[in-house]
């Protein structure tokens, strides 16, 4: 199976913000991924 890279939507101070725009099959909660060097985070976006 081939790995698909997430598109980078923003970059600042070495921090990458990534997000799949159409990922409704794998994840239910909307979220973004942040990467800085060796560090990674997944941040949920609450519904308002």
PDB file of N, CA and C in Angstrom:
ATOM      1  N   UNK A   1       0.842  -1.183   0.000  1.00  0.00           N
ATOM      2  CA  UNK A   1       0.000   0.000   0.000  1.00  0.00           C
ATOM      3  C   UNK A   1       0.884   1.242   0.000  1.00  0.00           C
ATOM      4  N   UNK A   2       0.572   2.210  -0.857  1.00  0.00           N
ATOM      5  CA  UNK A   2       1.373   3.419  -0.975  1.00  0.00           C
ATOM      6  C   UNK A   2       0.917   4.462   0.040  1.00  0.00           C
ATOM      7  N   UNK A   3       1.879   5.098   0.712  1.00  0.00           N
ATOM      8  CA  UNK A   3       1.565   6.134   1.690  1.00  0.00           C
ATOM      9  C   UNK A   3       1.320   7.457   0.968  1.00  0.00           C
ATOM     10  N   UNK A   4       0.221   8.122   1.329  1.00  0.00           N
ATOM     11  CA  UNK A   4      -0.114   9.412   0.736  1.00  0.00           C
ATOM     12  C   UNK A   4       0.318  10.504   1.701  1.00  0.00           C
ATOM     13  N   UNK A   5       1.060  11.495   1.200  1.00  0.00           N
ATOM     14  CA  UNK A   5       1.516  12.589   2.053  1.00  0.00           C
ATOM     15  C   UNK A   5       0.397  13.597   2.263  1.00  0.00           C
ATOM     16  N   UNK A   6       0.355  14.145   3.466  1.00  0.00           N
ATOM     17  CA  UNK A   6      -0.612  15.182   3.778  1.00  0.00           C
ATOM     18  C   UNK A   6      -0.157  16.506   3.193  1.00  0.00           C
ATOM     19  N   UNK A   7      -1.079  17.289   2.636  1.00  0.00           N
ATOM     20  CA  UNK A   7      -0.690  18.597   2.129  1.00  0.00           C
ATOM     21  C   UNK A   7      -0.394  19.572   3.271  1.00  0.00           C
ATOM     22  N   UNK A   8       0.644  20.385   3.105  1.00  0.00           N
ATOM     23  CA  UNK A   8       0.989  21.425   4.076  1.00  0.00           C
ATOM     24  C   UNK A   8       0.118  22.638   3.784  1.00  0.00           C
ATOM     25  N   UNK A   9      -0.630  23.112   4.798  1.00  0.00           N
ATOM     26  CA  UNK A   9      -1.495  24.269   4.582  1.00  0.00           C
ATOM     27  C   UNK A   9      -0.905  25.548   5.154  1.00  0.00           C
ATOM     28  N   UNK A  10       0.119  25.425   6.038  1.00  0.00           N
ATOM     29  CA  UNK A  10       0.768  26.608   6.596  1.00  0.00           C
ATOM     30  C   UNK A  10       2.148  26.227   7.116  1.00  0.00           C
ATOM     31  N   UNK A  11       3.037  27.220   7.142  1.00  0.00           N
ATOM     32  CA  UNK A  11       4.398  27.036   7.650  1.00  0.00           C
ATOM     33  C   UNK A  11       4.836  28.328   8.325  1.00  0.00           C
ATOM     34  N   UNK A  12       5.280  28.240   9.597  1.00  0.00           N
ATOM     35  CA  UNK A  12       5.785  29.423  10.290  1.00  0.00           C
ATOM     36  C   UNK A  12       6.725  28.995  11.403  1.00  0.00           C
ATOM     37  N   UNK A  13       7.823  29.720  11.566  1.00  0.00           N
ATOM     38  CA  UNK A  13       8.839  29.438  12.592  1.00  0.00           C
ATOM     39  C   UNK A  13       9.273  27.972  12.598  1.00  0.00           C
ATOM     40  N   UNK A  14       9.278  27.335  11.450  1.00  0.00           N
ATOM     41  CA  UNK A  14       9.686  25.939  11.353  1.00  0.00           C
ATOM     42  C   UNK A  14       8.594  24.940  11.685  1.00  0.00           C
ATOM     43  N   UNK A  15       7.395  25.421  11.995  1.00  0.00           N
ATOM     44  CA  UNK A  15       6.263  24.550  12.314  1.00  0.00           C
ATOM     45  C   UNK A  15       5.453  24.326  11.041  1.00  0.00           C
ATOM     46  N   UNK A  16       5.174  23.068  10.739  1.00  0.00           N
ATOM     47  CA  UNK A  16       4.344  22.722   9.584  1.00  0.00           C
ATOM     48  C   UNK A  16       2.937  22.390  10.065  1.00  0.00           C
ATOM     49  N   UNK A  17       1.933  22.935   9.412  1.00  0.00           N
ATOM     50  CA  UNK A  17       0.538  22.612   9.699  1.00  0.00           C
ATOM     51  C   UNK A  17       0.013  21.841   8.493  1.00  0.00           C
ATOM     52  N   UNK A  18      -0.474  20.625   8.750  1.00  0.00           N
ATOM     53  CA  UNK A  18      -0.921  19.744   7.669  1.00  0.00           C
ATOM     54  C   UNK A  18      -2.363  19.313   7.908  1.00  0.00           C
ATOM     55  N   UNK A  19      -3.085  19.077   6.804  1.00  0.00           N
ATOM     56  CA  UNK A  19      -4.468  18.636   6.947  1.00  0.00           C
ATOM     57  C   UNK A  19      -4.943  17.975   5.660  1.00  0.00           C
ATOM     58  N   UNK A  20      -5.618  16.833   5.822  1.00  0.00           N
ATOM     59  CA  UNK A  20      -6.339  16.234   4.706  1.00  0.00           C
ATOM     60  C   UNK A  20      -7.669  16.970   4.607  1.00  0.00           C
ATOM     61  N   UNK A  21      -8.045  17.404   3.423  1.00  0.00           N
ATOM     62  CA  UNK A  21      -9.305  18.119   3.278  1.00  0.00           C
ATOM     63  C   UNK A  21     -10.495  17.173   3.212  1.00  0.00           C
ATOM     64  N   UNK A  22     -10.310  16.000   2.623  1.00  0.00           N
ATOM     65  CA  UNK A  22     -11.411  15.053   2.456  1.00  0.00           C
ATOM     66  C   UNK A  22     -11.020  13.714   3.074  1.00  0.00           C
ATOM     67  N   UNK A  23     -11.034  13.653   4.396  1.00  0.00           N
ATOM     68  CA  UNK A  23     -10.636  12.442   5.119  1.00  0.00           C
ATOM     69  C   UNK A  23     -11.791  11.975   5.995  1.00  0.00           C
ATOM     70  N   UNK A  24     -12.993  11.872   5.436  1.00  0.00           N
ATOM     71  CA  UNK A  24     -14.155  11.509   6.238  1.00  0.00           C
ATOM     72  C   UNK A  24     -14.305  10.007   6.447  1.00  0.00           C
ATOM     73  N   UNK A  25     -13.514   9.195   5.776  1.00  0.00           N
ATOM     74  CA  UNK A  25     -13.619   7.747   5.931  1.00  0.00           C
ATOM     75  C   UNK A  25     -12.754   7.230   7.073  1.00  0.00           C
ATOM     76  N   UNK A  26     -11.612   7.881   7.330  1.00  0.00           N
ATOM     77  CA  UNK A  26     -10.682   7.396   8.345  1.00  0.00           C
ATOM     78  C   UNK A  26     -10.886   8.079   9.702  1.00  0.00           C
ATOM     79  N   UNK A  27     -11.234   9.369   9.692  1.00  0.00           N
ATOM     80  CA  UNK A  27     -11.375  10.130  10.934  1.00  0.00           C
ATOM     81  C   UNK A  27     -12.750  10.793  10.985  1.00  0.00           C
ATOM     82  N   UNK A  28     -13.366  10.772  12.158  1.00  0.00           N
ATOM     83  CA  UNK A  28     -14.664  11.423  12.326  1.00  0.00           C
ATOM     84  C   UNK A  28     -14.523  12.872  12.759  1.00  0.00           C
ATOM     85  N   UNK A  29     -13.608  13.146  13.650  1.00  0.00           N
ATOM     86  CA  UNK A  29     -13.421  14.484  14.201  1.00  0.00           C
ATOM     87  C   UNK A  29     -12.466  15.293  13.321  1.00  0.00           C
ATOM     88  N   UNK A  30     -12.865  16.509  12.902  1.00  0.00           N
ATOM     89  CA  UNK A  30     -11.926  17.325  12.130  1.00  0.00           C
ATOM     90  C   UNK A  30     -10.707  17.682  12.977  1.00  0.00           C
ATOM     91  N   UNK A  31      -9.531  17.645  12.371  1.00  0.00           N
ATOM     92  CA  UNK A  31      -8.312  17.928  13.118  1.00  0.00           C
ATOM     93  C   UNK A  31      -7.196  18.343  12.163  1.00  0.00           C
ATOM     94  N   UNK A  32      -6.139  18.913  12.744  1.00  0.00           N
ATOM     95  CA  UNK A  32      -4.947  19.260  11.980  1.00  0.00           C
ATOM     96  C   UNK A  32      -3.763  18.543  12.603  1.00  0.00           C
ATOM     97  N   UNK A  33      -2.702  18.449  11.852  1.00  0.00           N
ATOM     98  CA  UNK A  33      -1.456  17.889  12.347  1.00  0.00           C
ATOM     99  C   UNK A  33      -0.418  18.996  12.345  1.00  0.00           C
ATOM    100  N   UNK A  34       0.412  19.046  13.380  1.00  0.00           N
ATOM    101  CA  UNK A  34       1.501  20.016  13.458  1.00  0.00           C
ATOM    102  C   UNK A  34       2.803  19.246  13.629  1.00  0.00           C
ATOM    103  N   UNK A  35       3.837  19.679  12.918  1.00  0.00           N
ATOM    104  CA  UNK A  35       5.157  19.047  13.019  1.00  0.00           C
ATOM    105  C   UNK A  35       6.215  20.119  13.194  1.00  0.00           C
ATOM    106  N   UNK A  36       7.140  19.855  14.107  1.00  0.00           N
ATOM    107  CA  UNK A  36       8.276  20.741  14.330  1.00  0.00           C
ATOM    108  C   UNK A  36       9.480  19.854  14.638  1.00  0.00           C
ATOM    109  N   UNK A  37      10.348  19.697  13.659  1.00  0.00           N
ATOM    110  CA  UNK A  37      11.498  18.806  13.844  1.00  0.00           C
ATOM    111  C   UNK A  37      11.036  17.390  14.116  1.00  0.00           C
ATOM    112  N   UNK A  38      11.437  16.860  15.258  1.00  0.00           N
ATOM    113  CA  UNK A  38      11.078  15.486  15.628  1.00  0.00           C
ATOM    114  C   UNK A  38       9.734  15.396  16.349  1.00  0.00           C
ATOM    115  N   UNK A  39       9.096  16.535  16.627  1.00  0.00           N
ATOM    116  CA  UNK A  39       7.853  16.564  17.392  1.00  0.00           C
ATOM    117  C   UNK A  39       6.642  16.587  16.469  1.00  0.00           C
ATOM    118  N   UNK A  40       5.581  15.893  16.901  1.00  0.00           N
ATOM    119  CA  UNK A  40       4.337  15.839  16.133  1.00  0.00           C
ATOM    120  C   UNK A  40       3.156  15.963  17.078  1.00  0.00           C
ATOM    121  N   UNK A  41       2.083  16.595  16.594  1.00  0.00           N
ATOM    122  CA  UNK A  41       0.858  16.718  17.383  1.00  0.00           C
ATOM    123  C   UNK A  41      -0.337  16.624  16.451  1.00  0.00           C
ATOM    124  N   UNK A  42      -1.434  16.129  16.984  1.00  0.00           N
ATOM    125  CA  UNK A  42      -2.705  16.115  16.274  1.00  0.00           C
ATOM    126  C   UNK A  42      -3.681  16.904  17.137  1.00  0.00           C
ATOM    127  N   UNK A  43      -4.280  17.958  16.567  1.00  0.00           N
ATOM    128  CA  UNK A  43      -5.127  18.867  17.335  1.00  0.00           C
ATOM    129  C   UNK A  43      -6.541  18.811  16.783  1.00  0.00           C
ATOM    130  N   UNK A  44      -7.498  18.460  17.653  1.00  0.00           N
ATOM    131  CA  UNK A  44      -8.902  18.375  17.249  1.00  0.00           C
ATOM    132  C   UNK A  44      -9.493  19.769  17.107  1.00  0.00           C
ATOM    133  N   UNK A  45     -10.420  19.906  16.169  1.00  0.00           N
ATOM    134  CA  UNK A  45     -11.143  21.159  15.971  1.00  0.00           C
ATOM    135  C   UNK A  45     -12.577  20.912  16.423  1.00  0.00           C
ATOM    136  N   UNK A  46     -12.949  21.504  17.565  1.00  0.00           N
ATOM    137  CA  UNK A  46     -14.298  21.314  18.100  1.00  0.00           C
ATOM    138  C   UNK A  46     -15.329  22.003  17.219  1.00  0.00           C
ATOM    139  N   UNK A  47     -16.493  21.394  17.163  1.00  0.00           N
ATOM    140  CA  UNK A  47     -17.592  21.997  16.411  1.00  0.00           C
ATOM    141  C   UNK A  47     -18.190  23.128  17.234  1.00  0.00           C
ATOM    142  N   UNK A  48     -18.449  24.237  16.595  1.00  0.00           N
ATOM    143  CA  UNK A  48     -19.002  25.400  17.306  1.00  0.00           C
ATOM    144  C   UNK A  48     -20.508  25.447  17.173  1.00  0.00           C
TER     145      UNK A  48
END
